[in-house]
Amino acid sequence: LTTAQVDRVLRRDAGSGGLPGLLRGLGDREALSSTYRALSQS
């Protein structure tokens, strides 16, 4: 999968910048956990 393909899939439901948003959250466990919780509810 290209980064663009992964990003498109995640952006559709995340509403918060797709994969780049998730990557930014990797250093911050609370932000990552929040993003994951929001996405996993879909």
PDB file of all heavy atoms in Angstrom:
ATOM      1  N   LEU A   1       0.855  -1.179   0.000  1.00  0.00           N
ATOM      2  CA  LEU A   1       0.000   0.000   0.000  1.00  0.00           C
ATOM      3  C   LEU A   1       0.892   1.230   0.000  1.00  0.00           C
ATOM      4  O   LEU A   1       1.883   1.280   0.721  1.00  0.00           O
ATOM      5  CB  LEU A   1      -0.880   0.034   1.251  1.00  0.00           C
ATOM      6  CG  LEU A   1      -1.878  -1.097   1.427  1.00  0.00           C
ATOM      7  CD1 LEU A   1      -2.567  -0.982   2.775  1.00  0.00           C
ATOM      8  CD2 LEU A   1      -2.894  -1.097   0.319  1.00  0.00           C
ATOM      9  N   THR A   2       0.543   2.178  -0.803  1.00  0.00           N
ATOM     10  CA  THR A   2       1.284   3.430  -0.771  1.00  0.00           C
ATOM     11  C   THR A   2       0.799   4.230   0.429  1.00  0.00           C
ATOM     12  O   THR A   2      -0.287   3.988   0.969  1.00  0.00           O
ATOM     13  CB  THR A   2       1.058   4.259  -2.043  1.00  0.00           C
ATOM     14  OG1 THR A   2      -0.320   4.670  -2.083  1.00  0.00           O
ATOM     15  CG2 THR A   2       1.425   3.464  -3.294  1.00  0.00           C
ATOM     16  N   THR A   3       1.595   5.191   0.839  1.00  0.00           N
ATOM     17  CA  THR A   3       1.195   6.064   1.933  1.00  0.00           C
ATOM     18  C   THR A   3      -0.108   6.778   1.582  1.00  0.00           C
ATOM     19  O   THR A   3      -0.990   6.935   2.425  1.00  0.00           O
ATOM     20  CB  THR A   3       2.300   7.092   2.226  1.00  0.00           C
ATOM     21  OG1 THR A   3       3.504   6.381   2.531  1.00  0.00           O
ATOM     22  CG2 THR A   3       1.933   7.991   3.393  1.00  0.00           C
ATOM     23  N   ALA A   4      -0.252   7.176   0.327  1.00  0.00           N
ATOM     24  CA  ALA A   4      -1.475   7.867  -0.111  1.00  0.00           C
ATOM     25  C   ALA A   4      -2.699   6.962   0.020  1.00  0.00           C
ATOM     26  O   ALA A   4      -3.770   7.421   0.429  1.00  0.00           O
ATOM     27  CB  ALA A   4      -1.335   8.350  -1.550  1.00  0.00           C
ATOM     28  N   GLN A   5      -2.553   5.671  -0.306  1.00  0.00           N
ATOM     29  CA  GLN A   5      -3.689   4.748  -0.183  1.00  0.00           C
ATOM     30  C   GLN A   5      -4.097   4.580   1.274  1.00  0.00           C
ATOM     31  O   GLN A   5      -5.285   4.631   1.605  1.00  0.00           O
ATOM     32  CB  GLN A   5      -3.332   3.383  -0.778  1.00  0.00           C
ATOM     33  CG  GLN A   5      -3.236   3.377  -2.277  1.00  0.00           C
ATOM     34  CD  GLN A   5      -2.645   2.078  -2.793  1.00  0.00           C
ATOM     35  OE1 GLN A   5      -1.676   1.561  -2.253  1.00  0.00           O
ATOM     36  NE2 GLN A   5      -3.250   1.556  -3.856  1.00  0.00           N
ATOM     37  N   VAL A   6      -3.140   4.387   2.149  1.00  0.00           N
ATOM     38  CA  VAL A   6      -3.432   4.234   3.572  1.00  0.00           C
ATOM     39  C   VAL A   6      -4.058   5.521   4.104  1.00  0.00           C
ATOM     40  O   VAL A   6      -5.047   5.500   4.836  1.00  0.00           O
ATOM     41  CB  VAL A   6      -2.152   3.875   4.356  1.00  0.00           C
ATOM     42  CG1 VAL A   6      -2.416   3.883   5.856  1.00  0.00           C
ATOM     43  CG2 VAL A   6      -1.621   2.519   3.913  1.00  0.00           C
ATOM     44  N   ASP A   7      -3.499   6.646   3.715  1.00  0.00           N
ATOM     45  CA  ASP A   7      -4.000   7.938   4.170  1.00  0.00           C
ATOM     46  C   ASP A   7      -5.452   8.157   3.744  1.00  0.00           C
ATOM     47  O   ASP A   7      -6.271   8.619   4.522  1.00  0.00           O
ATOM     48  CB  ASP A   7      -3.113   9.057   3.630  1.00  0.00           C
ATOM     49  CG  ASP A   7      -3.386  10.376   4.304  1.00  0.00           C
ATOM     50  OD1 ASP A   7      -3.521  10.391   5.541  1.00  0.00           O
ATOM     51  OD2 ASP A   7      -3.490  11.385   3.588  1.00  0.00           O
ATOM     52  N   ARG A   8      -5.780   7.793   2.506  1.00  0.00           N
ATOM     53  CA  ARG A   8      -7.159   7.947   2.014  1.00  0.00           C
ATOM     54  C   ARG A   8      -8.140   7.151   2.846  1.00  0.00           C
ATOM     55  O   ARG A   8      -9.202   7.642   3.215  1.00  0.00           O
ATOM     56  CB  ARG A   8      -7.245   7.503   0.553  1.00  0.00           C
ATOM     57  CG  ARG A   8      -7.435   8.626  -0.422  1.00  0.00           C
ATOM     58  CD  ARG A   8      -7.817   8.162  -1.817  1.00  0.00           C
ATOM     59  NE  ARG A   8      -7.243   6.914  -2.265  1.00  0.00           N
ATOM     60  CZ  ARG A   8      -6.113   6.796  -2.960  1.00  0.00           C
ATOM     61  NH1 ARG A   8      -5.426   7.860  -3.282  1.00  0.00           N
ATOM     62  NH2 ARG A   8      -5.674   5.623  -3.346  1.00  0.00           N
ATOM     63  N   VAL A   9      -7.794   5.920   3.168  1.00  0.00           N
ATOM     64  CA  VAL A   9      -8.679   5.069   3.961  1.00  0.00           C
ATOM     65  C   VAL A   9      -8.896   5.662   5.340  1.00  0.00           C
ATOM     66  O   VAL A   9     -10.031   5.760   5.817  1.00  0.00           O
ATOM     67  CB  VAL A   9      -8.098   3.640   4.081  1.00  0.00           C
ATOM     68  CG1 VAL A   9      -8.878   2.820   5.088  1.00  0.00           C
ATOM     69  CG2 VAL A   9      -8.091   2.949   2.724  1.00  0.00           C
ATOM     70  N   LEU A  10      -7.826   6.077   5.986  1.00  0.00           N
ATOM     71  CA  LEU A  10      -7.953   6.602   7.340  1.00  0.00           C
ATOM     72  C   LEU A  10      -8.621   7.969   7.381  1.00  0.00           C
ATOM     73  O   LEU A  10      -9.386   8.260   8.284  1.00  0.00           O
ATOM     74  CB  LEU A  10      -6.579   6.668   8.013  1.00  0.00           C
ATOM     75  CG  LEU A  10      -5.960   5.311   8.308  1.00  0.00           C
ATOM     76  CD1 LEU A  10      -4.563   5.487   8.878  1.00  0.00           C
ATOM     77  CD2 LEU A  10      -6.819   4.499   9.251  1.00  0.00           C
ATOM     78  N   ARG A  11      -8.336   8.821   6.395  1.00  0.00           N
ATOM     79  CA  ARG A  11      -8.910  10.165   6.385  1.00  0.00           C
ATOM     80  C   ARG A  11     -10.427  10.113   6.263  1.00  0.00           C
ATOM     81  O   ARG A  11     -11.131  10.921   6.850  1.00  0.00           O
ATOM     82  CB  ARG A  11      -8.337  10.992   5.240  1.00  0.00           C
ATOM     83  CG  ARG A  11      -8.842  12.429   5.276  1.00  0.00           C
ATOM     84  CD  ARG A  11      -8.229  13.286   4.197  1.00  0.00           C
ATOM     85  NE  ARG A  11      -6.837  13.519   4.529  1.00  0.00           N
ATOM     86  CZ  ARG A  11      -5.838  13.344   3.677  1.00  0.00           C
ATOM     87  NH1 ARG A  11      -6.067  12.951   2.457  1.00  0.00           N
ATOM     88  NH2 ARG A  11      -4.597  13.569   4.043  1.00  0.00           N
ATOM     89  N   ARG A  12     -10.936   9.139   5.533  1.00  0.00           N
ATOM     90  CA  ARG A  12     -12.370   9.016   5.318  1.00  0.00           C
ATOM     91  C   ARG A  12     -13.137   8.964   6.636  1.00  0.00           C
ATOM     92  O   ARG A  12     -14.187   9.553   6.782  1.00  0.00           O
ATOM     93  CB  ARG A  12     -12.656   7.774   4.482  1.00  0.00           C
ATOM     94  CG  ARG A  12     -13.860   7.917   3.614  1.00  0.00           C
ATOM     95  CD  ARG A  12     -14.025   6.742   2.691  1.00  0.00           C
ATOM     96  NE  ARG A  12     -13.072   6.829   1.594  1.00  0.00           N
ATOM     97  CZ  ARG A  12     -12.529   5.794   0.986  1.00  0.00           C
ATOM     98  NH1 ARG A  12     -12.811   4.584   1.352  1.00  0.00           N
ATOM     99  NH2 ARG A  12     -11.689   5.966   0.007  1.00  0.00           N
ATOM    100  N   ASP A  13     -12.614   8.240   7.615  1.00  0.00           N
ATOM    101  CA  ASP A  13     -13.312   8.094   8.888  1.00  0.00           C
ATOM    102  C   ASP A  13     -12.719   8.925  10.013  1.00  0.00           C
ATOM    103  O   ASP A  13     -13.393   9.216  10.979  1.00  0.00           O
ATOM    104  CB  ASP A  13     -13.341   6.624   9.316  1.00  0.00           C
ATOM    105  CG  ASP A  13     -14.422   5.863   8.583  1.00  0.00           C
ATOM    106  OD1 ASP A  13     -15.585   6.280   8.668  1.00  0.00           O
ATOM    107  OD2 ASP A  13     -14.094   4.883   7.902  1.00  0.00           O
ATOM    108  N   ALA A  14     -11.449   9.285   9.894  1.00  0.00           N
ATOM    109  CA  ALA A  14     -10.802   9.979  10.997  1.00  0.00           C
ATOM    110  C   ALA A  14     -11.219  11.432  11.097  1.00  0.00           C
ATOM    111  O   ALA A  14     -11.397  11.954  12.182  1.00  0.00           O
ATOM    112  CB  ALA A  14      -9.292   9.901  10.851  1.00  0.00           C
ATOM    113  N   GLY A  15     -11.334  12.090   9.955  1.00  0.00           N
ATOM    114  CA  GLY A  15     -11.674  13.501   9.974  1.00  0.00           C
ATOM    115  C   GLY A  15     -10.605  14.355  10.632  1.00  0.00           C
ATOM    116  O   GLY A  15     -10.821  15.509  10.930  1.00  0.00           O
ATOM    117  N   SER A  16      -9.421  13.774  10.889  1.00  0.00           N
ATOM    118  CA  SER A  16      -8.386  14.531  11.598  1.00  0.00           C
ATOM    119  C   SER A  16      -7.030  14.436  10.917  1.00  0.00           C
ATOM    120  O   SER A  16      -6.012  14.422  11.578  1.00  0.00           O
ATOM    121  CB  SER A  16      -8.276  14.021  13.031  1.00  0.00           C
ATOM    122  OG  SER A  16      -7.850  12.674  13.032  1.00  0.00           O
ATOM    123  N   GLY A  17      -7.024  14.307   9.609  1.00  0.00           N
ATOM    124  CA  GLY A  17      -5.748  14.321   8.917  1.00  0.00           C
ATOM    125  C   GLY A  17      -5.199  12.963   8.559  1.00  0.00           C
ATOM    126  O   GLY A  17      -4.072  12.854   8.124  1.00  0.00           O
ATOM    127  N   GLY A  18      -5.943  11.911   8.725  1.00  0.00           N
ATOM    128  CA  GLY A  18      -5.524  10.589   8.278  1.00  0.00           C
ATOM    129  C   GLY A  18      -4.246  10.098   8.920  1.00  0.00           C
ATOM    130  O   GLY A  18      -3.966  10.352  10.081  1.00  0.00           O
ATOM    131  N   LEU A  19      -3.437   9.367   8.152  1.00  0.00           N
ATOM    132  CA  LEU A  19      -2.221   8.759   8.667  1.00  0.00           C
ATOM    133  C   LEU A  19      -1.259   9.782   9.262  1.00  0.00           C
ATOM    134  O   LEU A  19      -0.705   9.533  10.337  1.00  0.00           O
ATOM    135  CB  LEU A  19      -1.543   7.938   7.576  1.00  0.00           C
ATOM    136  CG  LEU A  19      -0.348   7.096   8.002  1.00  0.00           C
ATOM    137  CD1 LEU A  19      -0.724   6.128   9.114  1.00  0.00           C
ATOM    138  CD2 LEU A  19       0.223   6.356   6.820  1.00  0.00           C
ATOM    139  N   PRO A  20      -1.054  10.940   8.631  1.00  0.00           N
ATOM    140  CA  PRO A  20      -0.164  11.908   9.273  1.00  0.00           C
ATOM    141  C   PRO A  20      -0.620  12.286  10.680  1.00  0.00           C
ATOM    142  O   PRO A  20       0.200  12.460  11.570  1.00  0.00           O
ATOM    143  CB  PRO A  20      -0.205  13.115   8.329  1.00  0.00           C
ATOM    144  CG  PRO A  20      -0.514  12.517   6.997  1.00  0.00           C
ATOM    145  CD  PRO A  20      -1.469  11.390   7.303  1.00  0.00           C
ATOM    146  N   GLY A  21      -1.924  12.388  10.885  1.00  0.00           N
ATOM    147  CA  GLY A  21      -2.435  12.688  12.223  1.00  0.00           C
ATOM    148  C   GLY A  21      -2.123  11.579  13.209  1.00  0.00           C
ATOM    149  O   GLY A  21      -1.762  11.827  14.357  1.00  0.00           O
ATOM    150  N   LEU A  22      -2.261  10.332  12.759  1.00  0.00           N
ATOM    151  CA  LEU A  22      -1.921   9.207  13.622  1.00  0.00           C
ATOM    152  C   LEU A  22      -0.430   9.183  13.917  1.00  0.00           C
ATOM    153  O   LEU A  22      -0.008   8.927  15.044  1.00  0.00           O
ATOM    154  CB  LEU A  22      -2.331   7.884  12.966  1.00  0.00           C
ATOM    155  CG  LEU A  22      -3.817   7.592  12.901  1.00  0.00           C
ATOM    156  CD1 LEU A  22      -4.061   6.335  12.081  1.00  0.00           C
ATOM    157  CD2 LEU A  22      -4.403   7.439  14.288  1.00  0.00           C
ATOM    158  N   LEU A  23       0.381   9.458  12.904  1.00  0.00           N
ATOM    159  CA  LEU A  23       1.830   9.447  13.097  1.00  0.00           C
ATOM    160  C   LEU A  23       2.259  10.523  14.086  1.00  0.00           C
ATOM    161  O   LEU A  23       3.124  10.292  14.915  1.00  0.00           O
ATOM    162  CB  LEU A  23       2.549   9.640  11.761  1.00  0.00           C
ATOM    163  CG  LEU A  23       2.416   8.491  10.773  1.00  0.00           C
ATOM    164  CD1 LEU A  23       3.031   8.880   9.438  1.00  0.00           C
ATOM    165  CD2 LEU A  23       3.048   7.232  11.310  1.00  0.00           C
ATOM    166  N   ARG A  24       1.652  11.695  13.992  1.00  0.00           N
ATOM    167  CA  ARG A  24       1.976  12.760  14.944  1.00  0.00           C
ATOM    168  C   ARG A  24       1.631  12.327  16.361  1.00  0.00           C
ATOM    169  O   ARG A  24       2.274  12.716  17.311  1.00  0.00           O
ATOM    170  CB  ARG A  24       1.235  14.045  14.588  1.00  0.00           C
ATOM    171  CG  ARG A  24       1.864  14.823  13.463  1.00  0.00           C
ATOM    172  CD  ARG A  24       1.262  16.210  13.354  1.00  0.00           C
ATOM    173  NE  ARG A  24      -0.155  16.190  13.079  1.00  0.00           N
ATOM    174  CZ  ARG A  24      -0.699  16.076  11.871  1.00  0.00           C
ATOM    175  NH1 ARG A  24       0.069  15.960  10.814  1.00  0.00           N
ATOM    176  NH2 ARG A  24      -2.006  16.081  11.711  1.00  0.00           N
ATOM    177  N   GLY A  25       0.600  11.509  16.506  1.00  0.00           N
ATOM    178  CA  GLY A  25       0.159  11.079  17.832  1.00  0.00           C
ATOM    179  C   GLY A  25       0.984   9.971  18.436  1.00  0.00           C
ATOM    180  O   GLY A  25       0.816   9.649  19.600  1.00  0.00           O
ATOM    181  N   LEU A  26       1.893   9.358  17.673  1.00  0.00           N
ATOM    182  CA  LEU A  26       2.654   8.236  18.217  1.00  0.00           C
ATOM    183  C   LEU A  26       3.542   8.637  19.385  1.00  0.00           C
ATOM    184  O   LEU A  26       3.799   7.823  20.259  1.00  0.00           O
ATOM    185  CB  LEU A  26       3.495   7.568  17.126  1.00  0.00           C
ATOM    186  CG  LEU A  26       2.720   6.688  16.160  1.00  0.00           C
ATOM    187  CD1 LEU A  26       3.643   6.173  15.058  1.00  0.00           C
ATOM    188  CD2 LEU A  26       2.054   5.537  16.864  1.00  0.00           C
ATOM    189  N   GLY A  27       4.006   9.859  19.405  1.00  0.00           N
ATOM    190  CA  GLY A  27       4.843  10.300  20.509  1.00  0.00           C
ATOM    191  C   GLY A  27       4.037  10.644  21.745  1.00  0.00           C
ATOM    192  O   GLY A  27       4.572  10.756  22.836  1.00  0.00           O
ATOM    193  N   ASP A  28       2.757  10.805  21.597  1.00  0.00           N
ATOM    194  CA  ASP A  28       1.873  11.203  22.687  1.00  0.00           C
ATOM    195  C   ASP A  28       0.834  10.103  22.880  1.00  0.00           C
ATOM    196  O   ASP A  28      -0.139  10.013  22.151  1.00  0.00           O
ATOM    197  CB  ASP A  28       1.212  12.532  22.313  1.00  0.00           C
ATOM    198  CG  ASP A  28       0.209  13.024  23.356  1.00  0.00           C
ATOM    199  OD1 ASP A  28      -0.044  12.308  24.343  1.00  0.00           O
ATOM    200  OD2 ASP A  28      -0.314  14.120  23.157  1.00  0.00           O
ATOM    201  N   ARG A  29       1.050   9.259  23.867  1.00  0.00           N
ATOM    202  CA  ARG A  29       0.165   8.104  24.070  1.00  0.00           C
ATOM    203  C   ARG A  29      -1.287   8.501  24.278  1.00  0.00           C
ATOM    204  O   ARG A  29      -2.186   7.815  23.822  1.00  0.00           O
ATOM    205  CB  ARG A  29       0.638   7.276  25.255  1.00  0.00           C
ATOM    206  CG  ARG A  29       1.849   6.470  24.927  1.00  0.00           C
ATOM    207  CD  ARG A  29       2.156   5.522  26.028  1.00  0.00           C
ATOM    208  NE  ARG A  29       3.401   4.842  25.701  1.00  0.00           N
ATOM    209  CZ  ARG A  29       4.012   4.028  26.504  1.00  0.00           C
ATOM    210  NH1 ARG A  29       3.496   3.782  27.678  1.00  0.00           N
ATOM    211  NH2 ARG A  29       5.121   3.452  26.146  1.00  0.00           N
ATOM    212  N   GLU A  30      -1.504   9.604  24.963  1.00  0.00           N
ATOM    213  CA  GLU A  30      -2.889  10.035  25.200  1.00  0.00           C
ATOM    214  C   GLU A  30      -3.570  10.427  23.886  1.00  0.00           C
ATOM    215  O   GLU A  30      -4.704  10.052  23.626  1.00  0.00           O
ATOM    216  CB  GLU A  30      -2.921  11.203  26.188  1.00  0.00           C
ATOM    217  CG  GLU A  30      -4.320  11.516  26.658  1.00  0.00           C
ATOM    218  CD  GLU A  30      -4.299  12.520  27.784  1.00  0.00           C
ATOM    219  OE1 GLU A  30      -3.515  12.348  28.725  1.00  0.00           O
ATOM    220  OE2 GLU A  30      -5.083  13.482  27.706  1.00  0.00           O
ATOM    221  N   ALA A  31      -2.859  11.159  23.031  1.00  0.00           N
ATOM    222  CA  ALA A  31      -3.410  11.548  21.734  1.00  0.00           C
ATOM    223  C   ALA A  31      -3.636  10.325  20.855  1.00  0.00           C
ATOM    224  O   ALA A  31      -4.663  10.206  20.188  1.00  0.00           O
ATOM    225  CB  ALA A  31      -2.491  12.549  21.028  1.00  0.00           C
ATOM    226  N   LEU A  32      -2.686   9.395  20.861  1.00  0.00           N
ATOM    227  CA  LEU A  32      -2.829   8.174  20.077  1.00  0.00           C
ATOM    228  C   LEU A  32      -4.018   7.368  20.552  1.00  0.00           C
ATOM    229  O   LEU A  32      -4.834   6.908  19.754  1.00  0.00           O
ATOM    230  CB  LEU A  32      -1.556   7.329  20.171  1.00  0.00           C
ATOM    231  CG  LEU A  32      -1.594   5.977  19.469  1.00  0.00           C
ATOM    232  CD1 LEU A  32      -1.773   6.178  17.970  1.00  0.00           C
ATOM    233  CD2 LEU A  32      -0.343   5.200  19.767  1.00  0.00           C
ATOM    234  N   SER A  33      -4.146   7.215  21.844  1.00  0.00           N
ATOM    235  CA  SER A  33      -5.253   6.462  22.416  1.00  0.00           C
ATOM    236  C   SER A  33      -6.585   7.098  22.052  1.00  0.00           C
ATOM    237  O   SER A  33      -7.542   6.417  21.677  1.00  0.00           O
ATOM    238  CB  SER A  33      -5.094   6.388  23.935  1.00  0.00           C
ATOM    239  OG  SER A  33      -6.154   5.693  24.508  1.00  0.00           O
ATOM    240  N   SER A  34      -6.658   8.418  22.115  1.00  0.00           N
ATOM    241  CA  SER A  34      -7.877   9.139  21.771  1.00  0.00           C
ATOM    242  C   SER A  34      -8.234   8.963  20.295  1.00  0.00           C
ATOM    243  O   SER A  34      -9.381   8.712  19.939  1.00  0.00           O
ATOM    244  CB  SER A  34      -7.692  10.618  22.108  1.00  0.00           C
ATOM    245  OG  SER A  34      -8.759  11.366  21.609  1.00  0.00           O
ATOM    246  N   THR A  35      -7.225   9.086  19.425  1.00  0.00           N
ATOM    247  CA  THR A  35      -7.451   8.920  17.984  1.00  0.00           C
ATOM    248  C   THR A  35      -7.891   7.498  17.684  1.00  0.00           C
ATOM    249  O   THR A  35      -8.833   7.277  16.923  1.00  0.00           O
ATOM    250  CB  THR A  35      -6.167   9.243  17.194  1.00  0.00           C
ATOM    251  OG1 THR A  35      -5.775  10.571  17.483  1.00  0.00           O
ATOM    252  CG2 THR A  35      -6.378   9.095  15.700  1.00  0.00           C
ATOM    253  N   TYR A  36      -7.214   6.521  18.287  1.00  0.00           N
ATOM    254  CA  TYR A  36      -7.574   5.125  18.062  1.00  0.00           C
ATOM    255  C   TYR A  36      -9.004   4.854  18.532  1.00  0.00           C
ATOM    256  O   TYR A  36      -9.780   4.219  17.838  1.00  0.00           O
ATOM    257  CB  TYR A  36      -6.595   4.181  18.771  1.00  0.00           C
ATOM    258  CG  TYR A  36      -7.079   2.767  18.725  1.00  0.00           C
ATOM    259  CD1 TYR A  36      -7.027   2.053  17.533  1.00  0.00           C
ATOM    260  CD2 TYR A  36      -7.644   2.166  19.834  1.00  0.00           C
ATOM    261  CE1 TYR A  36      -7.510   0.766  17.457  1.00  0.00           C
ATOM    262  CE2 TYR A  36      -8.123   0.878  19.771  1.00  0.00           C
ATOM    263  CZ  TYR A  36      -8.056   0.184  18.585  1.00  0.00           C
ATOM    264  OH  TYR A  36      -8.550  -1.090  18.511  1.00  0.00           O
ATOM    265  N   ARG A  37      -9.352   5.351  19.719  1.00  0.00           N
ATOM    266  CA  ARG A  37     -10.716   5.146  20.246  1.00  0.00           C
ATOM    267  C   ARG A  37     -11.752   5.712  19.290  1.00  0.00           C
ATOM    268  O   ARG A  37     -12.754   5.070  18.983  1.00  0.00           O
ATOM    269  CB  ARG A  37     -10.864   5.793  21.623  1.00  0.00           C
ATOM    270  CG  ARG A  37     -10.628   4.860  22.771  1.00  0.00           C
ATOM    271  CD  ARG A  37     -11.138   5.426  24.084  1.00  0.00           C
ATOM    272  NE  ARG A  37     -10.744   6.800  24.350  1.00  0.00           N
ATOM    273  CZ  ARG A  37      -9.583   7.166  24.861  1.00  0.00           C
ATOM    274  NH1 ARG A  37      -8.690   6.266  25.171  1.00  0.00           N
ATOM    275  NH2 ARG A  37      -9.302   8.422  25.071  1.00  0.00           N
ATOM    276  N   ALA A  38     -11.505   6.917  18.783  1.00  0.00           N
ATOM    277  CA  ALA A  38     -12.455   7.550  17.870  1.00  0.00           C
ATOM    278  C   ALA A  38     -12.600   6.737  16.588  1.00  0.00           C
ATOM    279  O   ALA A  38     -13.713   6.494  16.117  1.00  0.00           O
ATOM    280  CB  ALA A  38     -12.012   8.974  17.553  1.00  0.00           C
ATOM    281  N   LEU A  39     -11.484   6.306  16.026  1.00  0.00           N
ATOM    282  CA  LEU A  39     -11.539   5.527  14.782  1.00  0.00           C
ATOM    283  C   LEU A  39     -12.168   4.158  15.004  1.00  0.00           C
ATOM    284  O   LEU A  39     -12.926   3.670  14.169  1.00  0.00           O
ATOM    285  CB  LEU A  39     -10.140   5.350  14.200  1.00  0.00           C
ATOM    286  CG  LEU A  39      -9.551   6.561  13.502  1.00  0.00           C
ATOM    287  CD1 LEU A  39      -8.083   6.314  13.184  1.00  0.00           C
ATOM    288  CD2 LEU A  39     -10.317   6.888  12.243  1.00  0.00           C
ATOM    289  N   SER A  40     -11.849   3.521  16.122  1.00  0.00           N
ATOM    290  CA  SER A  40     -12.342   2.166  16.354  1.00  0.00           C
ATOM    291  C   SER A  40     -13.836   2.131  16.654  1.00  0.00           C
ATOM    292  O   SER A  40     -14.448   1.074  16.603  1.00  0.00           O
ATOM    293  CB  SER A  40     -11.557   1.489  17.475  1.00  0.00           C
ATOM    294  OG  SER A  40     -11.808   2.119  18.708  1.00  0.00           O
ATOM    295  N   GLN A  41     -14.442   3.271  16.932  1.00  0.00           N
ATOM    296  CA  GLN A  41     -15.887   3.336  17.174  1.00  0.00           C
ATOM    297  C   GLN A  41     -16.686   3.259  15.875  1.00  0.00           C
ATOM    298  O   GLN A  41     -17.855   2.919  15.886  1.00  0.00           O
ATOM    299  CB  GLN A  41     -16.253   4.632  17.905  1.00  0.00           C
ATOM    300  CG  GLN A  41     -15.632   4.784  19.268  1.00  0.00           C
ATOM    301  CD  GLN A  41     -16.085   3.711  20.228  1.00  0.00           C
ATOM    302  OE1 GLN A  41     -17.248   3.324  20.245  1.00  0.00           O
ATOM    303  NE2 GLN A  41     -15.165   3.200  21.018  1.00  0.00           N
ATOM    304  N   SER A  42     -16.048   3.572  14.767  1.00  0.00           N
ATOM    305  CA  SER A  42     -16.729   3.578  13.485  1.00  0.00           C
ATOM    306  C   SER A  42     -17.061   2.154  13.057  1.00  0.00           C
ATOM    307  O   SER A  42     -16.236   1.247  13.158  1.00  0.00           O
ATOM    308  CB  SER A  42     -15.849   4.234  12.420  1.00  0.00           C
ATOM    309  OG  SER A  42     -16.434   4.068  11.146  1.00  0.00           O
TER     310      SER A  42
END
